[in-house]
Amino acid sequence: MPMSKDPKTVSRPKANRIKARRYSLAELVAQRIRRMRTNAYRISVKSGVNPSIVSRALSGKRLSMDVNTANKLAKALRIDPMDIFRAIAVGLARANKAPAVQVDPSTQLP
């Protein structure tokens, strides 16, 4: 007899999951556009975001984004808005050539 699934433990659909790999914003947007079989212009129209913002996000020239813009873009790409903010953090860390989080060894507890 199959066990019933608890609604709290049901995960997001497989197609919308982002792999554990850390993507930059450009990689994330490009991956979603490919998977959705669409293009940057259609995403900009669907999200209501200026096409130049989507273009700069794809080219890697956009390293930050307004919360409202990120929410609109995430909705059009069918992903969680936090994935966009994580991707922005990865891009900033790569641009600075530093890890996303730095820990001073002298401040760590023994």
Protein backbone atom coordinates (compact mmCIF):
# COMPACT_ATOMS: atom_id res chain seq x y z
CA MET A 1 0.00 0.00 0.00
CA PRO A 2 1.60 3.34 -1.05
CA MET A 3 2.11 5.94 1.63
CA SER A 4 0.33 9.25 1.22
CA LYS A 5 2.51 12.33 0.90
CA ASP A 6 2.29 14.98 3.53
CA PRO A 7 1.54 18.30 1.72
CA LYS A 8 4.25 20.02 3.77
CA THR A 9 6.95 17.70 2.40
CA VAL A 10 6.05 17.90 -1.28
CA SER A 11 8.86 19.62 -3.16
CA ARG A 12 8.72 21.99 -6.10
CA PRO A 13 8.28 20.47 -9.56
CA LYS A 14 11.49 19.00 -10.93
CA ALA A 15 11.62 21.35 -13.94
CA ASN A 16 11.85 24.44 -11.73
CA ARG A 17 14.59 23.23 -9.41
CA ILE A 18 17.95 24.94 -9.60
CA LYS A 19 20.90 22.60 -9.20
CA ALA A 20 23.17 22.96 -6.20
CA ARG A 21 25.83 24.55 -8.40
CA ARG A 22 26.37 28.22 -7.72
CA TYR A 23 25.26 30.23 -10.74
CA SER A 24 25.96 33.85 -11.56
CA LEU A 25 22.97 35.92 -12.64
CA ALA A 26 23.97 35.59 -16.30
CA GLU A 27 24.23 31.79 -16.04
CA LEU A 28 20.94 31.49 -14.17
CA VAL A 29 18.96 33.64 -16.62
CA ALA A 30 20.53 31.94 -19.64
CA GLN A 31 19.79 28.48 -18.24
CA ARG A 32 16.14 29.30 -17.54
CA ILE A 33 15.66 30.92 -20.96
CA ARG A 34 17.06 27.80 -22.64
CA ARG A 35 14.91 25.45 -20.55
CA MET A 36 11.79 27.48 -21.24
CA ARG A 37 12.65 27.58 -24.95
CA THR A 38 12.10 31.29 -25.20
CA ASN A 39 14.27 34.39 -25.63
CA ALA A 40 15.31 37.45 -23.64
CA TYR A 41 12.80 39.74 -25.33
CA ARG A 42 9.85 37.48 -24.49
CA ILE A 43 11.00 37.26 -20.87
CA SER A 44 11.22 41.06 -20.69
CA VAL A 45 7.70 41.43 -22.13
CA LYS A 46 6.28 38.74 -19.85
CA SER A 47 7.91 40.25 -16.76
CA GLY A 48 7.35 43.89 -17.63
CA VAL A 49 11.06 44.55 -17.18
CA ASN A 50 12.98 46.76 -19.61
CA PRO A 51 14.66 44.59 -22.28
CA SER A 52 18.02 46.26 -21.60
CA ILE A 53 17.94 44.97 -18.00
CA VAL A 54 17.42 41.39 -19.19
CA SER A 55 20.13 41.85 -21.83
CA ARG A 56 22.62 43.20 -19.26
CA ALA A 57 21.74 40.36 -16.88
CA LEU A 58 22.48 37.85 -19.67
CA SER A 59 25.77 39.49 -20.61
CA GLY A 60 27.00 39.60 -17.01
CA LYS A 61 27.13 43.41 -16.93
CA ARG A 62 24.32 43.60 -14.38
CA LEU A 63 25.61 42.81 -10.89
CA SER A 64 22.73 44.21 -8.85
CA MET A 65 18.98 44.47 -9.15
CA ASP A 66 16.05 46.19 -7.47
CA VAL A 67 13.83 43.88 -5.37
CA ASN A 68 10.75 44.60 -7.51
CA THR A 69 12.67 43.92 -10.71
CA ALA A 70 14.07 40.67 -9.30
CA ASN A 71 10.57 39.54 -8.27
CA LYS A 72 9.15 40.29 -11.73
CA LEU A 73 12.04 38.54 -13.46
CA ALA A 74 11.79 35.52 -11.15
CA LYS A 75 8.07 35.20 -11.84
CA ALA A 76 8.64 35.32 -15.60
CA LEU A 77 11.46 32.75 -15.33
CA ARG A 78 9.33 30.59 -13.00
CA ILE A 79 11.92 30.48 -10.23
CA ASP A 80 12.15 31.55 -6.61
CA PRO A 81 13.24 35.22 -6.23
CA MET A 82 15.86 34.09 -3.71
CA ASP A 83 17.60 32.21 -6.54
CA ILE A 84 18.12 35.54 -8.27
CA PHE A 85 19.59 37.14 -5.14
CA ARG A 86 21.87 34.12 -4.58
CA ALA A 87 23.04 34.42 -8.20
CA ILE A 88 23.74 38.13 -7.70
CA ALA A 89 25.82 37.30 -4.61
CA VAL A 90 27.80 34.71 -6.59
CA GLY A 91 28.41 37.24 -9.37
CA LEU A 92 29.58 39.88 -6.91
CA ALA A 93 31.91 37.41 -5.21
CA ARG A 94 33.38 36.41 -8.58
CA ALA A 95 33.78 40.05 -9.62
CA ASN A 96 35.65 40.78 -6.39
CA LYS A 97 37.52 37.47 -6.72
CA ALA A 98 36.71 36.74 -3.12
CA PRO A 99 34.56 34.11 -1.44
CA ALA A 100 30.96 35.10 -0.82
CA VAL A 101 31.54 34.94 2.93
CA GLN A 102 34.87 35.61 4.58
CA VAL A 103 35.66 34.43 8.09
CA ASP A 104 38.54 35.83 10.11
CA PRO A 105 40.33 32.81 11.66
CA SER A 106 41.28 34.82 14.76
CA THR A 107 37.61 35.32 15.65
CA GLN A 108 36.62 31.65 15.48
CA LEU A 109 35.83 29.81 18.69
CA PRO A 110 38.25 26.99 19.67
